[in-house]
Amino acid sequence: MRQVIIYPGENGYWVAQCPSLPPCISQGKTREEAIANIQEAIELYLEILTEEGRTIPEDKVETILLTV
């Protein structure tokens, strides 16, 4: 499991990124499409790391809400 941040981008698309895997960022016309795209990006990146014998980073991201 990986934590993913999703938010509306400036161009009308939804942006999705995985903070524990910085290369994994994607977008989609809809929220659902962005989620599907980031899931695919994460799966492919983890597959590449495994094939190359590299360490897979842990998902140690913690999110909090601040009142400003």
PDB file of N, CA and C in Angstrom:
ATOM      1  N   MET A   1       0.837  -1.184   0.000  1.00  0.00           N
ATOM      2  CA  MET A   1       0.000   0.000   0.000  1.00  0.00           C
ATOM      3  C   MET A   1       0.878   1.243   0.000  1.00  0.00           C
ATOM      4  N   ARG A   2       0.429   2.272  -0.676  1.00  0.00           N
ATOM      5  CA  ARG A   2       1.145   3.539  -0.777  1.00  0.00           C
ATOM      6  C   ARG A   2       0.175   4.686  -0.569  1.00  0.00           C
ATOM      7  N   GLN A   3       0.648   5.704   0.122  1.00  0.00           N
ATOM      8  CA  GLN A   3      -0.161   6.903   0.270  1.00  0.00           C
ATOM      9  C   GLN A   3       0.014   7.752  -0.980  1.00  0.00           C
ATOM     10  N   VAL A   4      -1.087   8.296  -1.452  1.00  0.00           N
ATOM     11  CA  VAL A   4      -1.103   9.108  -2.660  1.00  0.00           C
ATOM     12  C   VAL A   4      -1.811  10.418  -2.348  1.00  0.00           C
ATOM     13  N   ILE A   5      -1.263  11.500  -2.892  1.00  0.00           N
ATOM     14  CA  ILE A   5      -1.890  12.811  -2.771  1.00  0.00           C
ATOM     15  C   ILE A   5      -2.554  13.110  -4.104  1.00  0.00           C
ATOM     16  N   ILE A   6      -3.782  13.578  -4.063  1.00  0.00           N
ATOM     17  CA  ILE A   6      -4.501  13.904  -5.287  1.00  0.00           C
ATOM     18  C   ILE A   6      -5.124  15.280  -5.125  1.00  0.00           C
ATOM     19  N   TYR A   7      -4.996  16.092  -6.174  1.00  0.00           N
ATOM     20  CA  TYR A   7      -5.520  17.460  -6.107  1.00  0.00           C
ATOM     21  C   TYR A   7      -5.787  17.982  -7.517  1.00  0.00           C
ATOM     22  N   PRO A   8      -6.689  18.953  -7.634  1.00  0.00           N
ATOM     23  CA  PRO A   8      -6.954  19.515  -8.956  1.00  0.00           C
ATOM     24  C   PRO A   8      -5.780  20.370  -9.418  1.00  0.00           C
ATOM     25  N   GLY A   9      -5.346  20.147 -10.641  1.00  0.00           N
ATOM     26  CA  GLY A   9      -4.242  20.916 -11.207  1.00  0.00           C
ATOM     27  C   GLY A   9      -4.744  22.203 -11.843  1.00  0.00           C
ATOM     28  N   GLU A  10      -3.818  23.034 -12.229  1.00  0.00           N
ATOM     29  CA  GLU A  10      -4.156  24.329 -12.826  1.00  0.00           C
ATOM     30  C   GLU A  10      -4.791  24.196 -14.210  1.00  0.00           C
ATOM     31  N   ASN A  11      -4.540  23.100 -14.886  1.00  0.00           N
ATOM     32  CA  ASN A  11      -5.021  22.916 -16.251  1.00  0.00           C
ATOM     33  C   ASN A  11      -6.370  22.198 -16.330  1.00  0.00           C
ATOM     34  N   GLY A  12      -7.036  22.024 -15.191  1.00  0.00           N
ATOM     35  CA  GLY A  12      -8.324  21.338 -15.181  1.00  0.00           C
ATOM     36  C   GLY A  12      -8.225  19.835 -14.998  1.00  0.00           C
ATOM     37  N   TYR A  13      -7.024  19.302 -15.042  1.00  0.00           N
ATOM     38  CA  TYR A  13      -6.810  17.880 -14.805  1.00  0.00           C
ATOM     39  C   TYR A  13      -6.585  17.643 -13.317  1.00  0.00           C
ATOM     40  N   TRP A  14      -6.729  16.382 -12.903  1.00  0.00           N
ATOM     41  CA  TRP A  14      -6.395  15.990 -11.537  1.00  0.00           C
ATOM     42  C   TRP A  14      -4.953  15.506 -11.524  1.00  0.00           C
ATOM     43  N   VAL A  15      -4.207  15.883 -10.496  1.00  0.00           N
ATOM     44  CA  VAL A  15      -2.814  15.479 -10.340  1.00  0.00           C
ATOM     45  C   VAL A  15      -2.744  14.476  -9.190  1.00  0.00           C
ATOM     46  N   ALA A  16      -1.961  13.418  -9.372  1.00  0.00           N
ATOM     47  CA  ALA A  16      -1.764  12.410  -8.329  1.00  0.00           C
ATOM     48  C   ALA A  16      -0.279  12.157  -8.193  1.00  0.00           C
ATOM     49  N   GLN A  17       0.187  12.110  -6.950  1.00  0.00           N
ATOM     50  CA  GLN A  17       1.600  11.814  -6.728  1.00  0.00           C
ATOM     51  C   GLN A  17       1.764  10.956  -5.490  1.00  0.00           C
ATOM     52  N   CYS A  18       2.850  10.205  -5.488  1.00  0.00           N
ATOM     53  CA  CYS A  18       3.168   9.308  -4.389  1.00  0.00           C
ATOM     54  C   CYS A  18       4.433   9.841  -3.705  1.00  0.00           C
ATOM     55  N   PRO A  19       4.291  10.495  -2.539  1.00  0.00           N
ATOM     56  CA  PRO A  19       5.444  11.115  -1.885  1.00  0.00           C
ATOM     57  C   PRO A  19       6.581  10.148  -1.538  1.00  0.00           C
ATOM     58  N   SER A  20       6.274   8.897  -1.254  1.00  0.00           N
ATOM     59  CA  SER A  20       7.336   7.957  -0.897  1.00  0.00           C
ATOM     60  C   SER A  20       8.092   7.443  -2.124  1.00  0.00           C
ATOM     61  N   LEU A  21       7.558   7.715  -3.315  1.00  0.00           N
ATOM     62  CA  LEU A  21       8.195   7.339  -4.568  1.00  0.00           C
ATOM     63  C   LEU A  21       8.201   8.584  -5.464  1.00  0.00           C
ATOM     64  N   PRO A  22       9.123   9.513  -5.219  1.00  0.00           N
ATOM     65  CA  PRO A  22       9.103  10.813  -5.906  1.00  0.00           C
ATOM     66  C   PRO A  22       8.974  10.776  -7.433  1.00  0.00           C
ATOM     67  N   PRO A  23       9.521   9.761  -8.118  1.00  0.00           N
ATOM     68  CA  PRO A  23       9.335   9.763  -9.573  1.00  0.00           C
ATOM     69  C   PRO A  23       7.886   9.497 -10.003  1.00  0.00           C
ATOM     70  N   CYS A  24       7.051   9.026  -9.076  1.00  0.00           N
ATOM     71  CA  CYS A  24       5.686   8.644  -9.435  1.00  0.00           C
ATOM     72  C   CYS A  24       4.730   9.820  -9.278  1.00  0.00           C
ATOM     73  N   ILE A  25       4.410  10.421 -10.415  1.00  0.00           N
ATOM     74  CA  ILE A  25       3.435  11.492 -10.478  1.00  0.00           C
ATOM     75  C   ILE A  25       2.675  11.306 -11.783  1.00  0.00           C
ATOM     76  N   SER A  26       1.379  11.551 -11.743  1.00  0.00           N
ATOM     77  CA  SER A  26       0.559  11.352 -12.925  1.00  0.00           C
ATOM     78  C   SER A  26      -0.607  12.317 -12.880  1.00  0.00           C
ATOM     79  N   GLN A  27      -1.455  12.232 -13.878  1.00  0.00           N
ATOM     80  CA  GLN A  27      -2.643  13.072 -13.904  1.00  0.00           C
ATOM     81  C   GLN A  27      -3.728  12.384 -14.705  1.00  0.00           C
ATOM     82  N   GLY A  28      -4.919  12.947 -14.678  1.00  0.00           N
ATOM     83  CA  GLY A  28      -6.028  12.410 -15.439  1.00  0.00           C
ATOM     84  C   GLY A  28      -7.113  13.459 -15.590  1.00  0.00           C
ATOM     85  N   LYS A  29      -7.967  13.263 -16.574  1.00  0.00           N
ATOM     86  CA  LYS A  29      -9.070  14.203 -16.799  1.00  0.00           C
ATOM     87  C   LYS A  29     -10.054  14.189 -15.638  1.00  0.00           C
ATOM     88  N   THR A  30     -10.180  13.021 -15.014  1.00  0.00           N
ATOM     89  CA  THR A  30     -11.071  12.882 -13.857  1.00  0.00           C
ATOM     90  C   THR A  30     -10.255  12.390 -12.668  1.00  0.00           C
ATOM     91  N   ARG A  31     -10.843  12.506 -11.501  1.00  0.00           N
ATOM     92  CA  ARG A  31     -10.190  12.012 -10.280  1.00  0.00           C
ATOM     93  C   ARG A  31      -9.899  10.510 -10.405  1.00  0.00           C
ATOM     94  N   GLU A  32     -10.879   9.778 -10.899  1.00  0.00           N
ATOM     95  CA  GLU A  32     -10.748   8.327 -11.040  1.00  0.00           C
ATOM     96  C   GLU A  32      -9.648   7.959 -12.030  1.00  0.00           C
ATOM     97  N   GLU A  33      -9.553   8.712 -13.126  1.00  0.00           N
ATOM     98  CA  GLU A  33      -8.512   8.446 -14.109  1.00  0.00           C
ATOM     99  C   GLU A  33      -7.129   8.729 -13.522  1.00  0.00           C
ATOM    100  N   ALA A  34      -7.002   9.805 -12.753  1.00  0.00           N
ATOM    101  CA  ALA A  34      -5.725  10.120 -12.112  1.00  0.00           C
ATOM    102  C   ALA A  34      -5.319   9.021 -11.139  1.00  0.00           C
ATOM    103  N   ILE A  35      -6.278   8.499 -10.394  1.00  0.00           N
ATOM    104  CA  ILE A  35      -5.992   7.416  -9.443  1.00  0.00           C
ATOM    105  C   ILE A  35      -5.542   6.163 -10.184  1.00  0.00           C
ATOM    106  N   ALA A  36      -6.226   5.813 -11.260  1.00  0.00           N
ATOM    107  CA  ALA A  36      -5.832   4.637 -12.052  1.00  0.00           C
ATOM    108  C   ALA A  36      -4.436   4.830 -12.641  1.00  0.00           C
ATOM    109  N   ASN A  37      -4.156   6.043 -13.106  1.00  0.00           N
ATOM    110  CA  ASN A  37      -2.851   6.317 -13.713  1.00  0.00           C
ATOM    111  C   ASN A  37      -1.720   6.257 -12.686  1.00  0.00           C
ATOM    112  N   ILE A  38      -1.937   6.791 -11.492  1.00  0.00           N
ATOM    113  CA  ILE A  38      -0.872   6.756 -10.481  1.00  0.00           C
ATOM    114  C   ILE A  38      -0.662   5.325  -9.989  1.00  0.00           C
ATOM    115  N   GLN A  39      -1.728   4.549  -9.921  1.00  0.00           N
ATOM    116  CA  GLN A  39      -1.579   3.149  -9.511  1.00  0.00           C
ATOM    117  C   GLN A  39      -0.708   2.403 -10.521  1.00  0.00           C
ATOM    118  N   GLU A  40      -0.945   2.647 -11.796  1.00  0.00           N
ATOM    119  CA  GLU A  40      -0.132   2.012 -12.836  1.00  0.00           C
ATOM    120  C   GLU A  40       1.322   2.483 -12.753  1.00  0.00           C
ATOM    121  N   ALA A  41       1.525   3.770 -12.530  1.00  0.00           N
ATOM    122  CA  ALA A  41       2.884   4.313 -12.419  1.00  0.00           C
ATOM    123  C   ALA A  41       3.631   3.685 -11.246  1.00  0.00           C
ATOM    124  N   ILE A  42       2.956   3.549 -10.119  1.00  0.00           N
ATOM    125  CA  ILE A  42       3.573   2.947  -8.930  1.00  0.00           C
ATOM    126  C   ILE A  42       3.941   1.491  -9.205  1.00  0.00           C
ATOM    127  N   GLU A  43       3.010   0.744  -9.779  1.00  0.00           N
ATOM    128  CA  GLU A  43       3.267  -0.668 -10.067  1.00  0.00           C
ATOM    129  C   GLU A  43       4.465  -0.837 -11.001  1.00  0.00           C
ATOM    130  N   LEU A  44       4.523  -0.008 -12.049  1.00  0.00           N
ATOM    131  CA  LEU A  44       5.635  -0.109 -13.002  1.00  0.00           C
ATOM    132  C   LEU A  44       6.965   0.279 -12.362  1.00  0.00           C
ATOM    133  N   TYR A  45       6.949   1.330 -11.547  1.00  0.00           N
ATOM    134  CA  TYR A  45       8.179   1.769 -10.889  1.00  0.00           C
ATOM    135  C   TYR A  45       8.694   0.699  -9.927  1.00  0.00           C
ATOM    136  N   LEU A  46       7.798   0.111  -9.145  1.00  0.00           N
ATOM    137  CA  LEU A  46       8.207  -0.950  -8.218  1.00  0.00           C
ATOM    138  C   LEU A  46       8.746  -2.167  -8.978  1.00  0.00           C
ATOM    139  N   GLU A  47       8.146  -2.457 -10.117  1.00  0.00           N
ATOM    140  CA  GLU A  47       8.619  -3.566 -10.950  1.00  0.00           C
ATOM    141  C   GLU A  47      10.048  -3.299 -11.445  1.00  0.00           C
ATOM    142  N   ILE A  48      10.299  -2.074 -11.873  1.00  0.00           N
ATOM    143  CA  ILE A  48      11.639  -1.703 -12.344  1.00  0.00           C
ATOM    144  C   ILE A  48      12.657  -1.794 -11.214  1.00  0.00           C
ATOM    145  N   LEU A  49      12.303  -1.269 -10.039  1.00  0.00           N
ATOM    146  CA  LEU A  49      13.212  -1.343  -8.895  1.00  0.00           C
ATOM    147  C   LEU A  49      13.564  -2.793  -8.576  1.00  0.00           C
ATOM    148  N   THR A  50      12.558  -3.661  -8.605  1.00  0.00           N
ATOM    149  CA  THR A  50      12.759  -5.078  -8.311  1.00  0.00           C
ATOM    150  C   THR A  50      13.663  -5.724  -9.361  1.00  0.00           C
ATOM    151  N   GLU A  51      13.382  -5.451 -10.637  1.00  0.00           N
ATOM    152  CA  GLU A  51      14.196  -6.024 -11.719  1.00  0.00           C
ATOM    153  C   GLU A  51      15.653  -5.588 -11.621  1.00  0.00           C
ATOM    154  N   GLU A  52      15.878  -4.348 -11.181  1.00  0.00           N
ATOM    155  CA  GLU A  52      17.238  -3.827 -11.083  1.00  0.00           C
ATOM    156  C   GLU A  52      17.908  -4.182  -9.754  1.00  0.00           C
ATOM    157  N   GLY A  53      17.176  -4.873  -8.885  1.00  0.00           N
ATOM    158  CA  GLY A  53      17.734  -5.273  -7.598  1.00  0.00           C
ATOM    159  C   GLY A  53      17.913  -4.114  -6.633  1.00  0.00           C
ATOM    160  N   ARG A  54      17.185  -3.037  -6.870  1.00  0.00           N
ATOM    161  CA  ARG A  54      17.288  -1.856  -6.006  1.00  0.00           C
ATOM    162  C   ARG A  54      16.323  -1.974  -4.830  1.00  0.00           C
ATOM    163  N   THR A  55      16.601  -1.248  -3.783  1.00  0.00           N
ATOM    164  CA  THR A  55      15.767  -1.251  -2.587  1.00  0.00           C
ATOM    165  C   THR A  55      14.468  -0.499  -2.845  1.00  0.00           C
ATOM    166  N   ILE A  56      13.377  -1.070  -2.395  1.00  0.00           N
ATOM    167  CA  ILE A  56      12.080  -0.401  -2.513  1.00  0.00           C
ATOM    168  C   ILE A  56      11.876   0.444  -1.264  1.00  0.00           C
ATOM    169  N   PRO A  57      11.712   1.759  -1.426  1.00  0.00           N
ATOM    170  CA  PRO A  57      11.540   2.637  -0.268  1.00  0.00           C
ATOM    171  C   PRO A  57      10.258   2.306   0.502  1.00  0.00           C
ATOM    172  N   GLU A  58      10.352   2.445   1.811  1.00  0.00           N
ATOM    173  CA  GLU A  58       9.169   2.258   2.641  1.00  0.00           C
ATOM    174  C   GLU A  58       8.261   3.469   2.502  1.00  0.00           C
ATOM    175  N   ASP A  59       6.987   3.272   2.778  1.00  0.00           N
ATOM    176  CA  ASP A  59       6.030   4.371   2.749  1.00  0.00           C
ATOM    177  C   ASP A  59       5.900   4.908   4.169  1.00  0.00           C
ATOM    178  N   LYS A  60       6.719   5.901   4.473  1.00  0.00           N
ATOM    179  CA  LYS A  60       6.739   6.470   5.824  1.00  0.00           C
ATOM    180  C   LYS A  60       6.128   7.867   5.852  1.00  0.00           C
ATOM    181  N   VAL A  61       5.263   8.145   4.921  1.00  0.00           N
ATOM    182  CA  VAL A  61       4.659   9.463   4.821  1.00  0.00           C
ATOM    183  C   VAL A  61       3.555   9.612   5.860  1.00  0.00           C
ATOM    184  N   GLU A  62       3.550  10.748   6.499  1.00  0.00           N
ATOM    185  CA  GLU A  62       2.499  11.062   7.464  1.00  0.00           C
ATOM    186  C   GLU A  62       1.898  12.406   7.070  1.00  0.00           C
ATOM    187  N   THR A  63       0.590  12.462   7.008  1.00  0.00           N
ATOM    188  CA  THR A  63      -0.059  13.723   6.665  1.00  0.00           C
ATOM    189  C   THR A  63      -0.811  14.254   7.880  1.00  0.00           C
ATOM    190  N   ILE A  64      -0.835  15.564   7.990  1.00  0.00           N
ATOM    191  CA  ILE A  64      -1.574  16.224   9.060  1.00  0.00           C
ATOM    192  C   ILE A  64      -2.288  17.439   8.479  1.00  0.00           C
ATOM    193  N   LEU A  65      -3.319  17.878   9.144  1.00  0.00           N
ATOM    194  CA  LEU A  65      -4.024  19.092   8.746  1.00  0.00           C
ATOM    195  C   LEU A  65      -3.677  20.179   9.743  1.00  0.00           C
ATOM    196  N   LEU A  66      -3.346  21.328   9.237  1.00  0.00           N
ATOM    197  CA  LEU A  66      -3.017  22.478  10.096  1.00  0.00           C
ATOM    198  C   LEU A  66      -4.074  23.556   9.919  1.00  0.00           C
ATOM    199  N   THR A  67      -4.456  24.166  10.982  1.00  0.00           N
ATOM    200  CA  THR A  67      -5.336  25.307  10.917  1.00  0.00           C
ATOM    201  C   THR A  67      -4.466  26.550  10.787  1.00  0.00           C
ATOM    202  N   VAL A  68      -4.717  27.313   9.729  1.00  0.00           N
ATOM    203  CA  VAL A  68      -3.913  28.519   9.474  1.00  0.00           C
ATOM    204  C   VAL A  68      -4.820  29.733   9.507  1.00  0.00           C
TER     205      VAL A  68
END
